[in-house]
């Protein structure tokens, strides 16, 4: 695998380049001095130099293959976070905070996720690299922080696979009330299936996600239409609901500030997976053109499939419905309950099928994401080099083996301590998505300052976030509040009055254990590698660019857009 010019491959050098930040100086040490000095001091010359000398750009004939088309990326952006967090977990959120808390928090979280994805889109359009998040954080902030966040994020996807495999058993249990289906056989079938999909290559992964997202979208659009009919009294039950559920005893906000805070915390996990589009950047056929379009799809996903769908749920399902609490089963899904309340007998089973497809899709994405993170971190010497191995078809086979071994943890369903084991496994990676969002916003902010400090303008970017650096500051602050909210809710849960001190301590450490793990990774790497925060004028803005274009080409494209009819420009801005 070809090494990035920002990382030294000479293991004999004291500390190696991993011990030093990704810097413009390290790039110049890898190329001819005169050539790269010109690149550093003249931004336009840098872009022209990369465009005219393909050897300076990461080659395509090695490593991961660029086979994800625009439709794959757009549907990945649309469906990546539509899963059990939305379909099932939202029920517990509704019961804990009430409809008002849920809607306010989900709108706030949706705005935050949009800022994060726009920041991701700007970065990966310019630097479409494997293991994007650990690489970006290492380059723009600190290699030790990139190592810590990347490793914790990797652990998340490794743990998600067995968790989703066991969730398949729960979903199928909706139809198998007598429990005759052997759980082990079901887990084995799904585990083999998702690995077969990935073994056929990244194109097969993209096609399956295209299919799965289509099912999710059709299901949610059908639910939204049916939900409006149910709310207006047009269902078989014949009851007009209106906004009655917002005026139940206790109002739209229950459990006070703790209820509001709990929704803020747990609502964030429903958006988990939104950042998956950044990991697919290295295998995008046309990242400069297709990734921005895919990122724009996130806006419509959160507005329609999260905000609108959940608002309809709050109109149909009362927050005090006892079926919402105490179960992870699809029977507790507010979407399924809404259909049942409407008196439509056959559709709950159909919607459960959509939930099953969503769970398998998440398991499939876990195999993809974990294997690509292993490759990306190994390429930057953050993990042993064996993990970066890919065959001629671009399949990370060593990564697949590691992920498969973690998938076998799903067979713990036969263990009497299954729930305890999985709760701690989930706790280990519980905050990792928030850590990634938090540090990606910080990385984008520092990238923009470095871009300006080294003489570049936003017109030289392949695509710039419509929200700019201010959007990333907003995302940074909201994610900081999320981390604080997690700590507060773990220390002072709603049910603290009925818990013993030992139970409270157990739940606190189970919820927050990922924070000390990340701190341990960071400090350990910092001690052994002696890294430091990268200065703005030292940040490497040249390595890992792919298909770079000159400023003249970008200016011509801007001029062409300016000449478009206004309706066409609006459509291009929105989509």
Protein backbone atom coordinates (compact mmCIF):
# COMPACT_ATOMS: atom_id res chain seq x y z
CA UNK A 1 0.00 0.00 0.00
CA UNK A 2 1.35 3.39 -0.97
CA UNK A 3 2.07 5.58 2.03
CA UNK A 4 0.81 9.11 2.32
CA UNK A 5 3.48 11.75 1.90
CA UNK A 6 2.42 13.16 5.25
CA UNK A 7 3.62 10.07 7.15
CA UNK A 8 7.13 8.72 7.11
CA UNK A 9 7.63 5.05 6.24
CA UNK A 10 11.13 5.03 7.67
CA UNK A 11 10.85 3.10 10.92
CA UNK A 12 14.46 3.78 11.73
CA UNK A 13 13.90 7.48 12.22
CA UNK A 14 13.62 8.41 15.86
CA UNK A 15 9.96 8.44 16.78
CA UNK A 16 8.99 8.14 13.07
CA UNK A 17 6.65 10.66 11.47
CA UNK A 18 3.86 9.36 13.67
CA UNK A 19 5.59 11.06 16.61
CA UNK A 20 5.43 14.34 14.72
CA UNK A 21 2.31 16.15 13.57
CA UNK A 22 1.11 16.03 9.97
CA UNK A 23 2.97 19.08 8.74
CA UNK A 24 3.84 20.90 5.57
CA UNK A 25 7.49 20.36 6.49
CA UNK A 26 7.06 16.56 6.51
CA UNK A 27 5.57 16.79 3.04
CA UNK A 28 8.51 18.78 1.77
CA UNK A 29 10.89 16.18 3.17
CA UNK A 30 9.22 13.60 0.96
CA UNK A 31 9.49 15.52 -2.28
CA UNK A 32 11.96 17.72 -4.03
CA UNK A 33 12.72 20.71 -1.86
CA UNK A 34 12.27 23.37 -4.49
CA UNK A 35 9.06 21.91 -5.85
CA UNK A 36 7.32 21.60 -2.51
CA UNK A 37 8.54 24.95 -1.22
CA UNK A 38 6.82 26.48 -4.20
CA UNK A 39 3.72 24.47 -3.26
CA UNK A 40 3.83 25.73 0.31
CA UNK A 41 4.31 29.38 -0.50
CA UNK A 42 2.04 29.54 -3.56
CA UNK A 43 -1.33 27.88 -3.04
CA UNK A 44 -2.29 28.11 -6.70
CA UNK A 45 1.02 26.55 -7.71
CA UNK A 46 0.35 23.76 -5.23
CA UNK A 47 -2.97 22.89 -6.85
CA UNK A 48 -1.54 23.10 -10.36
CA UNK A 49 1.44 20.98 -9.32
CA UNK A 50 -0.80 18.22 -7.97
CA UNK A 51 -3.07 18.35 -10.99
CA UNK A 52 -0.17 18.09 -13.44
CA UNK A 53 1.78 15.40 -11.56
CA UNK A 54 -0.53 12.47 -10.78
CA UNK A 55 2.32 10.64 -9.05
CA UNK A 56 1.89 13.04 -6.13
CA UNK A 57 -1.70 11.97 -5.71
CA UNK A 58 -2.65 8.72 -4.01
CA UNK A 59 -2.65 6.04 -6.77
CA UNK A 60 -5.77 4.06 -7.54
CA UNK A 61 -4.13 0.79 -8.60
CA UNK A 62 -3.41 -0.18 -4.99
CA UNK A 63 -5.55 -0.52 -1.89
CA UNK A 64 -9.26 0.25 -1.75
CA UNK A 65 -11.07 0.61 -5.07
CA UNK A 66 -13.13 3.55 -6.23
CA UNK A 67 -16.38 1.78 -7.11
CA UNK A 68 -19.06 3.62 -5.14
CA UNK A 69 -21.20 5.64 -7.53
CA UNK A 70 -23.18 8.76 -6.78
CA UNK A 71 -26.45 6.90 -6.17
CA UNK A 72 -24.72 4.62 -3.64
CA UNK A 73 -23.36 7.61 -1.73
CA UNK A 74 -26.65 9.52 -1.78
CA UNK A 75 -28.62 6.55 -0.49
CA UNK A 76 -25.92 5.82 2.09
CA UNK A 77 -26.31 9.39 3.33
CA UNK A 78 -30.10 9.05 3.34
CA UNK A 79 -30.31 5.76 5.21
CA UNK A 80 -27.14 5.39 7.28
CA UNK A 81 -28.72 6.38 10.61
CA UNK A 82 -32.24 5.06 10.01
CA UNK A 83 -32.34 1.99 12.23
CA UNK A 84 -33.44 0.69 15.60
CA UNK A 85 -32.46 3.98 17.28
CA UNK A 86 -35.26 5.68 15.33
CA UNK A 87 -37.73 2.81 14.97
CA UNK A 88 -37.53 1.38 18.51
CA UNK A 89 -35.37 3.62 20.73
CA UNK A 90 -37.55 6.67 20.08
CA UNK A 91 -40.34 4.98 22.06
CA UNK A 92 -38.35 5.04 25.28
CA UNK A 93 -37.37 8.65 24.54
CA UNK A 94 -41.02 9.65 24.12
CA UNK A 95 -42.01 7.95 27.38
CA UNK A 96 -39.14 9.56 29.30
CA UNK A 97 -39.37 13.19 28.18
CA UNK A 98 -42.76 13.61 26.54
CA UNK A 99 -43.58 14.89 23.03
CA UNK A 100 -42.39 18.45 23.62
CA UNK A 101 -38.97 17.47 24.92
CA UNK A 102 -38.54 14.95 22.12
CA UNK A 103 -39.35 17.36 19.30
CA UNK A 104 -37.27 20.29 20.62
CA UNK A 105 -34.26 18.07 21.25
CA UNK A 106 -34.50 16.25 17.94
CA UNK A 107 -34.69 19.55 16.04
CA UNK A 108 -31.62 20.81 17.91
CA UNK A 109 -29.76 17.53 17.34
CA UNK A 110 -30.76 17.48 13.67
CA UNK A 111 -29.28 20.95 13.19
CA UNK A 112 -26.08 19.79 14.89
CA UNK A 113 -25.80 16.66 12.71
CA UNK A 114 -26.23 18.77 9.57
CA UNK A 115 -23.32 21.01 10.59
CA UNK A 116 -21.16 17.95 11.29
CA UNK A 117 -21.93 16.29 7.95
CA UNK A 118 -21.31 19.53 6.04
CA UNK A 119 -17.92 19.81 7.77
CA UNK A 120 -17.20 16.17 6.90
CA UNK A 121 -18.23 16.78 3.29
CA UNK A 122 -15.83 19.71 2.93
CA UNK A 123 -12.91 17.75 4.36
CA UNK A 124 -13.40 14.45 2.53
CA UNK A 125 -14.09 16.18 -0.79
CA UNK A 126 -10.55 17.53 -0.54
CA UNK A 127 -8.96 14.58 1.29
CA UNK A 128 -10.90 11.36 0.46
CA UNK A 129 -8.84 8.97 2.59
CA UNK A 130 -9.52 5.63 4.26
CA UNK A 131 -10.27 5.89 7.97
CA UNK A 132 -11.13 9.53 7.40
CA UNK A 133 -11.85 10.58 10.98
CA UNK A 134 -8.70 9.36 12.71
CA UNK A 135 -6.65 10.75 9.81
CA UNK A 136 -8.32 14.16 9.83
CA UNK A 137 -8.12 14.54 13.59
CA UNK A 138 -4.46 13.50 13.55
CA UNK A 139 -3.65 15.93 10.77
CA UNK A 140 -5.55 19.00 11.91
CA UNK A 141 -5.42 18.66 15.71
CA UNK A 142 -3.06 16.09 17.26
CA UNK A 143 -1.92 12.58 16.20
CA UNK A 144 -2.50 11.27 19.71
CA UNK A 145 -6.07 12.52 19.70
CA UNK A 146 -6.59 10.97 16.26
CA UNK A 147 -5.30 7.66 17.59
CA UNK A 148 -7.55 7.75 20.67
CA UNK A 149 -10.73 8.80 18.86
CA UNK A 150 -10.06 6.48 15.92
CA UNK A 151 -9.46 3.44 18.13
CA UNK A 152 -12.57 4.11 20.21
CA UNK A 153 -14.63 4.61 17.04
CA UNK A 154 -13.24 1.35 15.64
CA UNK A 155 -14.27 -0.43 18.84
CA UNK A 156 -17.78 0.95 18.37
CA UNK A 157 -18.27 -0.65 14.97
CA UNK A 158 -16.66 -3.89 16.11
CA UNK A 159 -19.15 -4.06 18.99
CA UNK A 160 -22.15 -2.93 16.91
CA UNK A 161 -21.92 -6.07 14.76
CA UNK A 162 -22.66 -8.65 17.51
CA UNK A 163 -25.19 -6.30 19.11
CA UNK A 164 -27.15 -6.00 15.85
CA UNK A 165 -26.95 -9.75 15.29
CA UNK A 166 -28.65 -10.34 18.63
CA UNK A 167 -31.16 -7.62 17.76
CA UNK A 168 -32.12 -9.68 14.71
CA UNK A 169 -33.30 -12.39 17.13
CA UNK A 170 -35.43 -9.84 18.99
CA UNK A 171 -37.00 -8.52 15.77
CA UNK A 172 -37.76 -12.01 14.44
CA UNK A 173 -39.27 -12.77 17.85
CA UNK A 174 -42.16 -10.48 16.84
CA UNK A 175 -43.38 -13.32 14.61
CA UNK A 176 -41.93 -16.18 16.67
CA UNK A 177 -43.95 -15.75 19.86
CA UNK A 178 -43.37 -19.37 20.92
CA UNK A 179 -39.58 -19.01 20.61
CA UNK A 180 -39.11 -22.06 18.37
CA UNK A 181 -36.58 -20.33 16.10
CA UNK A 182 -33.05 -21.29 17.26
CA UNK A 183 -31.21 -18.03 17.96
CA UNK A 184 -27.81 -19.47 17.11
CA UNK A 185 -28.91 -20.55 13.64
CA UNK A 186 -30.45 -17.14 12.94
CA UNK A 187 -27.29 -15.33 14.08
CA UNK A 188 -25.10 -17.61 11.95
CA UNK A 189 -27.25 -17.03 8.85
CA UNK A 190 -27.15 -13.24 9.15
CA UNK A 191 -23.44 -13.20 10.06
CA UNK A 192 -22.54 -15.26 6.98
CA UNK A 193 -24.86 -13.17 4.80
CA UNK A 194 -23.34 -9.79 5.69
CA UNK A 195 -19.82 -11.13 5.22
CA UNK A 196 -20.72 -12.59 1.83
CA UNK A 197 -22.05 -9.19 0.78
CA UNK A 198 -18.78 -7.50 1.78
CA UNK A 199 -16.62 -10.24 0.26
CA UNK A 200 -18.14 -9.44 -3.12
CA UNK A 201 -16.51 -6.02 -2.82
CA UNK A 202 -17.47 -2.45 -2.09
CA UNK A 203 -19.84 -2.35 -5.08
CA UNK A 204 -21.90 -5.18 -3.54
CA UNK A 205 -21.98 -3.31 -0.24
CA UNK A 206 -23.22 -0.20 -2.03
CA UNK A 207 -25.92 -2.12 -3.89
CA UNK A 208 -27.24 -3.76 -0.71
CA UNK A 209 -27.36 -0.42 1.09
CA UNK A 210 -29.14 1.07 -1.93
CA UNK A 211 -31.76 -1.69 -1.61
CA UNK A 212 -32.04 -1.44 2.19
CA UNK A 213 -32.35 2.35 2.14
CA UNK A 214 -35.05 2.10 -0.52
CA UNK A 215 -37.05 -0.14 1.83
CA UNK A 216 -36.51 2.27 4.73
CA UNK A 217 -37.61 5.28 2.68
CA UNK A 218 -40.70 3.55 1.27
CA UNK A 219 -41.65 2.41 4.78
CA UNK A 220 -41.25 5.87 6.31
CA UNK A 221 -43.02 7.67 3.48
CA UNK A 222 -45.87 5.17 3.79
CA UNK A 223 -45.93 5.71 7.55
CA UNK A 224 -46.04 9.51 7.18
CA UNK A 225 -48.97 9.32 4.76
CA UNK A 226 -50.77 6.72 6.87
CA UNK A 227 -50.01 8.66 10.05
CA UNK A 228 -51.68 11.79 8.69
CA UNK A 229 -54.74 9.72 7.83
CA UNK A 230 -54.82 8.15 11.32
CA UNK A 231 -54.42 11.54 13.03
CA UNK A 232 -57.27 13.02 11.02
CA UNK A 233 -59.60 10.13 11.86
CA UNK A 234 -59.55 8.37 8.51
CA UNK A 235 -58.26 5.02 9.81
CA UNK A 236 -60.40 1.93 10.59
CA UNK A 237 -60.48 3.03 14.25
CA UNK A 238 -62.24 6.22 13.16
CA UNK A 239 -60.93 8.35 16.03
CA UNK A 240 -59.81 11.93 15.40
CA UNK A 241 -56.62 12.50 17.39
CA UNK A 242 -55.33 15.94 16.47
CA UNK A 243 -52.94 17.27 19.11
CA UNK A 244 -54.70 15.51 22.00
CA UNK A 245 -51.53 13.68 23.12
CA UNK A 246 -49.75 16.99 23.66
CA UNK A 247 -52.32 17.95 26.32
CA UNK A 248 -52.33 14.84 28.48
CA UNK A 249 -51.81 15.08 32.24
CA UNK A 250 -48.26 16.28 32.78
CA UNK A 251 -48.23 18.26 29.54
CA UNK A 252 -45.78 17.91 26.68
CA UNK A 253 -42.78 17.96 29.01
CA UNK A 254 -42.47 15.29 31.70
CA UNK A 255 -39.82 14.49 34.32
CA UNK A 256 -38.67 18.12 34.30
CA UNK A 257 -35.10 19.02 33.44
CA UNK A 258 -33.91 15.43 33.87
CA UNK A 259 -36.47 14.27 31.34
CA UNK A 260 -35.39 16.98 28.90
CA UNK A 261 -31.72 16.13 29.46
CA UNK A 262 -32.31 12.40 28.99
CA UNK A 263 -33.98 13.01 25.63
CA UNK A 264 -31.07 15.25 24.61
CA UNK A 265 -28.61 12.48 25.48
CA UNK A 266 -30.43 9.44 24.11
CA UNK A 267 -31.72 11.29 21.06
CA UNK A 268 -28.13 11.72 19.89
CA UNK A 269 -27.72 7.96 19.62
CA UNK A 270 -30.65 7.80 17.19
CA UNK A 271 -28.53 9.86 14.77
CA UNK A 272 -25.52 7.54 15.13
CA UNK A 273 -24.16 6.38 11.79
CA UNK A 274 -24.82 9.68 10.02
CA UNK A 275 -21.06 10.15 9.71
CA UNK A 276 -20.64 6.87 7.77
CA UNK A 277 -20.51 8.83 4.51
CA UNK A 278 -17.05 10.08 5.51
CA UNK A 279 -15.68 6.53 5.67
CA UNK A 280 -16.94 5.84 2.14
CA UNK A 281 -14.98 8.77 0.68
CA UNK A 282 -11.87 6.72 -0.15
CA UNK A 283 -13.94 4.42 -2.38
CA UNK A 284 -16.05 7.07 -4.10
CA UNK A 285 -15.62 7.18 -7.87
CA UNK A 286 -15.94 10.98 -8.03
CA UNK A 287 -15.54 12.36 -4.51
CA UNK A 288 -15.26 16.00 -5.58
CA UNK A 289 -18.68 15.96 -7.24
CA UNK A 290 -20.60 13.18 -5.53
CA UNK A 291 -19.73 13.62 -1.85
CA UNK A 292 -21.20 17.16 -1.58
CA UNK A 293 -24.44 15.93 -3.18
CA UNK A 294 -24.57 13.04 -0.75
CA UNK A 295 -24.03 15.36 2.22
CA UNK A 296 -26.96 17.52 1.12
CA UNK A 297 -29.19 14.43 1.33
CA UNK A 298 -28.64 14.42 5.09
CA UNK A 299 -30.72 17.61 5.37
CA UNK A 300 -33.74 15.93 3.83
CA UNK A 301 -33.23 12.76 5.85
CA UNK A 302 -33.32 14.54 9.20
CA UNK A 303 -36.14 16.91 8.24
CA UNK A 304 -38.48 14.34 6.69
CA UNK A 305 -37.56 10.94 8.08
CA UNK A 306 -36.71 12.09 11.60
CA UNK A 307 -38.49 15.34 12.45
CA UNK A 308 -41.70 14.89 10.43
CA UNK A 309 -42.06 11.16 11.13
CA UNK A 310 -41.49 11.59 14.87
CA UNK A 311 -43.90 14.53 15.03
CA UNK A 312 -46.61 12.29 13.58
CA UNK A 313 -45.67 9.62 16.14
CA UNK A 314 -46.25 12.12 18.98
CA UNK A 315 -49.72 12.89 17.59
CA UNK A 316 -50.77 9.23 17.55
CA UNK A 317 -48.94 7.51 20.42
CA UNK A 318 -49.48 8.88 23.97
CA UNK A 319 -46.29 9.15 25.99
CA UNK A 320 -47.90 7.25 28.88
CA UNK A 321 -48.61 4.11 26.83
CA UNK A 322 -47.20 1.30 28.98
CA UNK A 323 -46.00 -0.56 25.89
CA UNK A 324 -43.31 2.06 25.22
CA UNK A 325 -41.23 1.19 28.28
CA UNK A 326 -39.31 -1.83 29.47
CA UNK A 327 -38.69 -3.55 26.16
CA UNK A 328 -36.30 -3.44 23.23
CA UNK A 329 -38.76 -5.44 21.12
CA UNK A 330 -40.33 -4.01 17.96
CA UNK A 331 -43.60 -4.39 19.87
CA UNK A 332 -42.41 -1.30 21.79
CA UNK A 333 -41.71 0.61 18.57
CA UNK A 334 -43.82 3.78 18.51
CA UNK A 335 -44.14 3.33 14.75
CA UNK A 336 -45.66 -0.14 15.16
CA UNK A 337 -47.85 1.10 18.03
CA UNK A 338 -49.09 4.00 15.90
CA UNK A 339 -50.24 1.58 13.21
CA UNK A 340 -51.95 -0.61 15.82
CA UNK A 341 -53.70 2.41 17.35
CA UNK A 342 -55.01 3.20 13.88
CA UNK A 343 -56.58 -0.24 13.77
CA UNK A 344 -54.67 -1.41 10.69
CA UNK A 345 -54.13 -5.10 11.38
CA UNK A 346 -51.71 -6.23 8.68
CA UNK A 347 -49.28 -3.31 8.53
CA UNK A 348 -47.50 -3.77 11.90
CA UNK A 349 -46.02 -7.02 10.64
CA UNK A 350 -44.99 -5.36 7.38
CA UNK A 351 -43.30 -2.51 9.27
CA UNK A 352 -41.51 -5.05 11.45
CA UNK A 353 -40.05 -6.44 8.23
CA UNK A 354 -38.66 -2.97 7.47
CA UNK A 355 -37.13 -2.88 10.95
CA UNK A 356 -35.50 -6.27 10.27
CA UNK A 357 -34.00 -4.95 7.01
CA UNK A 358 -32.69 -1.92 8.92
CA UNK A 359 -31.00 -4.10 11.54
CA UNK A 360 -29.31 -6.24 8.87
CA UNK A 361 -28.24 -3.04 7.10
CA UNK A 362 -26.54 -1.76 10.26
CA UNK A 363 -24.76 -5.11 10.70
CA UNK A 364 -23.63 -4.89 7.07
CA UNK A 365 -22.36 -1.34 7.61
CA UNK A 366 -20.52 -2.44 10.76
CA UNK A 367 -18.48 -4.94 8.71
CA UNK A 368 -17.74 -2.26 6.13
CA UNK A 369 -16.91 0.55 8.57
CA UNK A 370 -14.72 -1.49 10.95
CA UNK A 371 -12.68 -3.04 8.13
CA UNK A 372 -12.09 0.38 6.50
CA UNK A 373 -11.11 1.96 9.80
CA UNK A 374 -8.52 -0.78 10.29
CA UNK A 375 -7.09 -0.06 6.83
CA UNK A 376 -7.04 3.71 7.29
CA UNK A 377 -5.42 3.65 10.72
CA UNK A 378 -2.84 1.07 9.60
CA UNK A 379 -1.92 3.19 6.56
CA UNK A 380 -1.11 6.07 8.89
CA UNK A 381 0.85 3.79 11.24
CA UNK A 382 -1.73 4.15 13.99
CA UNK A 383 -2.17 0.35 13.96
CA UNK A 384 0.12 -2.53 12.88
CA UNK A 385 0.71 -2.56 9.12
CA UNK A 386 -0.84 -6.03 8.68
CA UNK A 387 -4.30 -4.45 8.95
CA UNK A 388 -3.83 -2.35 5.82
CA UNK A 389 -3.60 -5.42 3.56
CA UNK A 390 -6.07 -5.44 0.67
CA UNK A 391 -6.24 -7.90 -2.22
CA UNK A 392 -6.38 -6.97 -5.91
CA UNK A 393 -10.12 -6.41 -5.71
CA UNK A 394 -9.62 -3.88 -2.90
CA UNK A 395 -11.03 -6.10 -0.15
CA UNK A 396 -9.45 -5.65 3.32
CA UNK A 397 -9.27 -9.37 4.07
CA UNK A 398 -7.33 -9.10 7.33
CA UNK A 399 -9.84 -6.54 8.53
CA UNK A 400 -12.68 -8.91 7.63
CA UNK A 401 -11.13 -11.64 9.80
CA UNK A 402 -10.91 -9.29 12.80
CA UNK A 403 -14.50 -8.13 12.36
CA UNK A 404 -15.73 -11.72 11.94
CA UNK A 405 -14.11 -12.73 15.23
CA UNK A 406 -15.94 -9.92 17.01
CA UNK A 407 -19.15 -10.99 15.32
CA UNK A 408 -18.90 -14.33 17.11
CA UNK A 409 -19.62 -12.49 20.37
CA UNK A 410 -23.25 -12.55 19.28
CA UNK A 411 -23.43 -16.19 20.35
CA UNK A 412 -23.32 -14.92 23.95
CA UNK A 413 -27.11 -14.96 23.67
CA UNK A 414 -26.78 -18.44 25.16
CA UNK A 415 -24.91 -17.08 28.18
CA UNK A 416 -26.76 -16.37 31.41
CA UNK A 417 -24.77 -13.14 31.77
CA UNK A 418 -25.52 -12.01 28.21
CA UNK A 419 -27.16 -8.69 29.12
CA UNK A 420 -24.41 -7.68 31.54
CA UNK A 421 -21.67 -8.46 29.02
CA UNK A 422 -23.33 -6.52 26.22
CA UNK A 423 -24.16 -3.56 28.44
CA UNK A 424 -20.47 -3.16 29.30
CA UNK A 425 -19.42 -3.67 25.67
CA UNK A 426 -21.85 -0.97 24.57
CA UNK A 427 -20.66 1.24 27.41
CA UNK A 428 -17.05 0.97 26.22
CA UNK A 429 -18.00 2.60 22.94
CA UNK A 430 -21.11 4.44 24.11
CA UNK A 431 -19.83 8.00 23.66
CA UNK A 432 -17.61 7.38 20.65
CA UNK A 433 -20.01 8.83 18.08
CA UNK A 434 -20.29 12.05 20.10
CA UNK A 435 -16.49 12.12 20.45
CA UNK A 436 -16.18 11.81 16.66
CA UNK A 437 -18.71 14.57 15.98
CA UNK A 438 -17.08 16.82 18.59
CA UNK A 439 -13.54 16.40 17.24
CA UNK A 440 -14.58 16.55 13.57
CA UNK A 441 -16.07 19.99 14.21
CA UNK A 442 -12.82 21.01 15.93
CA UNK A 443 -10.78 19.58 13.03
CA UNK A 444 -12.84 21.52 10.48
CA UNK A 445 -12.42 24.75 12.45
CA UNK A 446 -8.65 24.27 12.61
CA UNK A 447 -8.54 23.27 8.94
CA UNK A 448 -10.23 26.53 7.93
CA UNK A 449 -7.79 28.59 10.01
CA UNK A 450 -4.84 26.66 8.54
CA UNK A 451 -6.24 27.05 5.02
CA UNK A 452 -6.36 30.82 5.50
CA UNK A 453 -3.00 30.97 7.30
CA UNK A 454 -1.26 29.25 4.39
CA UNK A 455 -2.66 31.64 1.81
CA UNK A 456 -5.63 29.73 0.41
CA UNK A 457 -9.20 30.97 -0.08
CA UNK A 458 -12.49 29.07 0.11
CA UNK A 459 -12.82 29.48 -3.67
CA UNK A 460 -9.97 26.97 -4.00
CA UNK A 461 -11.92 24.26 -2.16
CA UNK A 462 -13.68 21.59 -4.25
CA UNK A 463 -16.73 22.19 -2.05
CA UNK A 464 -17.19 24.37 1.00
CA UNK A 465 -19.73 23.87 3.76
CA UNK A 466 -22.71 26.21 3.24
CA UNK A 467 -22.61 26.87 6.99
CA UNK A 468 -18.89 27.59 7.01
CA UNK A 469 -16.81 27.64 10.16
CA UNK A 470 -19.72 29.08 12.15
CA UNK A 471 -21.68 25.89 11.59
CA UNK A 472 -18.79 23.87 12.98
CA UNK A 473 -18.61 26.13 16.03
CA UNK A 474 -22.32 25.45 16.59
CA UNK A 475 -21.75 21.69 16.24
CA UNK A 476 -18.73 21.89 18.54
CA UNK A 477 -20.75 23.62 21.28
CA UNK A 478 -23.76 21.29 21.00
CA UNK A 479 -21.55 18.21 21.16
CA UNK A 480 -19.79 19.66 24.19
CA UNK A 481 -23.21 20.04 25.82
CA UNK A 482 -24.01 16.45 24.84
CA UNK A 483 -20.93 15.19 26.66
CA UNK A 484 -21.84 17.27 29.71
CA UNK A 485 -25.42 16.01 29.49
CA UNK A 486 -24.24 12.41 29.40
CA UNK A 487 -22.24 12.99 32.57
CA UNK A 488 -25.17 14.68 34.32
CA UNK A 489 -27.69 12.00 33.39
CA UNK A 490 -25.29 9.19 34.34
CA UNK A 491 -24.69 10.81 37.74
CA UNK A 492 -28.32 11.81 38.40
CA UNK A 493 -30.69 9.45 36.55
CA UNK A 494 -34.44 9.96 36.66
CA UNK A 495 -34.89 6.87 38.84
CA UNK A 496 -32.10 7.76 41.29
CA UNK A 497 -34.53 7.82 44.21
CA UNK A 498 -35.28 4.11 43.85
CA UNK A 499 -31.66 3.05 43.28
CA UNK A 500 -29.10 1.95 45.84
CA UNK A 501 -25.68 3.68 45.89
CA UNK A 502 -24.14 0.54 44.38
CA UNK A 503 -26.65 0.50 41.52
CA UNK A 504 -26.06 4.19 40.81
CA UNK A 505 -22.29 3.69 40.76
CA UNK A 506 -22.66 0.66 38.48
CA UNK A 507 -24.87 2.54 36.01
CA UNK A 508 -22.62 5.61 36.08
CA UNK A 509 -19.44 3.73 35.19
CA UNK A 510 -21.29 1.61 32.63
CA UNK A 511 -22.46 4.80 30.90
CA UNK A 512 -19.21 6.78 31.16
CA UNK A 513 -16.48 4.13 30.86
CA UNK A 514 -15.68 5.12 27.27
CA UNK A 515 -14.46 8.56 28.44
CA UNK A 516 -11.56 7.27 30.62
CA UNK A 517 -10.73 4.72 27.91
CA UNK A 518 -10.29 7.51 25.34
CA UNK A 519 -8.24 9.53 27.83
CA UNK A 520 -6.05 6.47 28.49
CA UNK A 521 -5.48 5.93 24.74
CA UNK A 522 -4.63 9.62 24.30
CA UNK A 523 -2.17 9.85 27.20
CA UNK A 524 -0.48 6.54 26.35
CA UNK A 525 0.08 7.55 22.74
CA UNK A 526 1.22 11.01 23.80
CA UNK A 527 3.81 9.54 26.19
CA UNK A 528 5.21 7.00 23.74
CA UNK A 529 5.13 9.16 20.59
CA UNK A 530 5.67 12.62 22.12
CA UNK A 531 3.25 14.32 19.75
CA UNK A 532 2.03 17.89 19.98
CA UNK A 533 -0.85 19.94 18.67
CA UNK A 534 -0.18 20.95 15.07
CA UNK A 535 0.38 24.65 14.39
CA UNK A 536 -1.75 26.23 11.67
CA UNK A 537 1.20 27.03 9.42
CA UNK A 538 2.53 23.46 9.76
CA UNK A 539 -0.66 21.57 8.92
CA UNK A 540 -0.23 19.44 5.79
CA UNK A 541 -2.70 20.66 3.17
CA UNK A 542 -1.18 18.80 0.22
CA UNK A 543 -1.01 15.07 0.95
CA UNK A 544 -3.88 12.72 0.11
CA UNK A 545 -5.63 15.02 -2.33
CA UNK A 546 -7.22 13.06 -5.14
CA UNK A 547 -8.18 14.28 -8.60
CA UNK A 548 -7.11 17.86 -7.78
CA UNK A 549 -8.16 20.62 -10.14
CA UNK A 550 -6.72 24.05 -10.74
CA UNK A 551 -8.30 27.26 -9.53
CA UNK A 552 -9.16 28.08 -13.15
CA UNK A 553 -11.35 24.98 -13.41
CA UNK A 554 -13.12 25.80 -10.16
CA UNK A 555 -13.63 29.40 -11.31
CA UNK A 556 -15.09 28.19 -14.61
CA UNK A 557 -17.50 25.90 -12.75
CA UNK A 558 -18.60 28.80 -10.52
CA UNK A 559 -19.17 30.96 -13.59
CA UNK A 560 -21.28 28.23 -15.21
CA UNK A 561 -23.40 27.96 -12.08
CA UNK A 562 -23.86 31.74 -12.02
CA UNK A 563 -25.26 31.62 -15.57
CA UNK A 564 -27.83 28.94 -14.69
CA UNK A 565 -31.51 29.91 -14.34
CA UNK A 566 -32.37 30.65 -10.72
CA UNK A 567 -34.61 27.57 -10.41
CA UNK A 568 -31.73 25.35 -11.48
CA UNK A 569 -29.36 27.01 -9.02
CA UNK A 570 -31.88 26.49 -6.22
CA UNK A 571 -32.22 22.80 -7.10
CA UNK A 572 -28.45 22.40 -7.24
CA UNK A 573 -28.08 24.11 -3.87
CA UNK A 574 -30.74 21.87 -2.31
CA UNK A 575 -29.69 18.60 -3.94
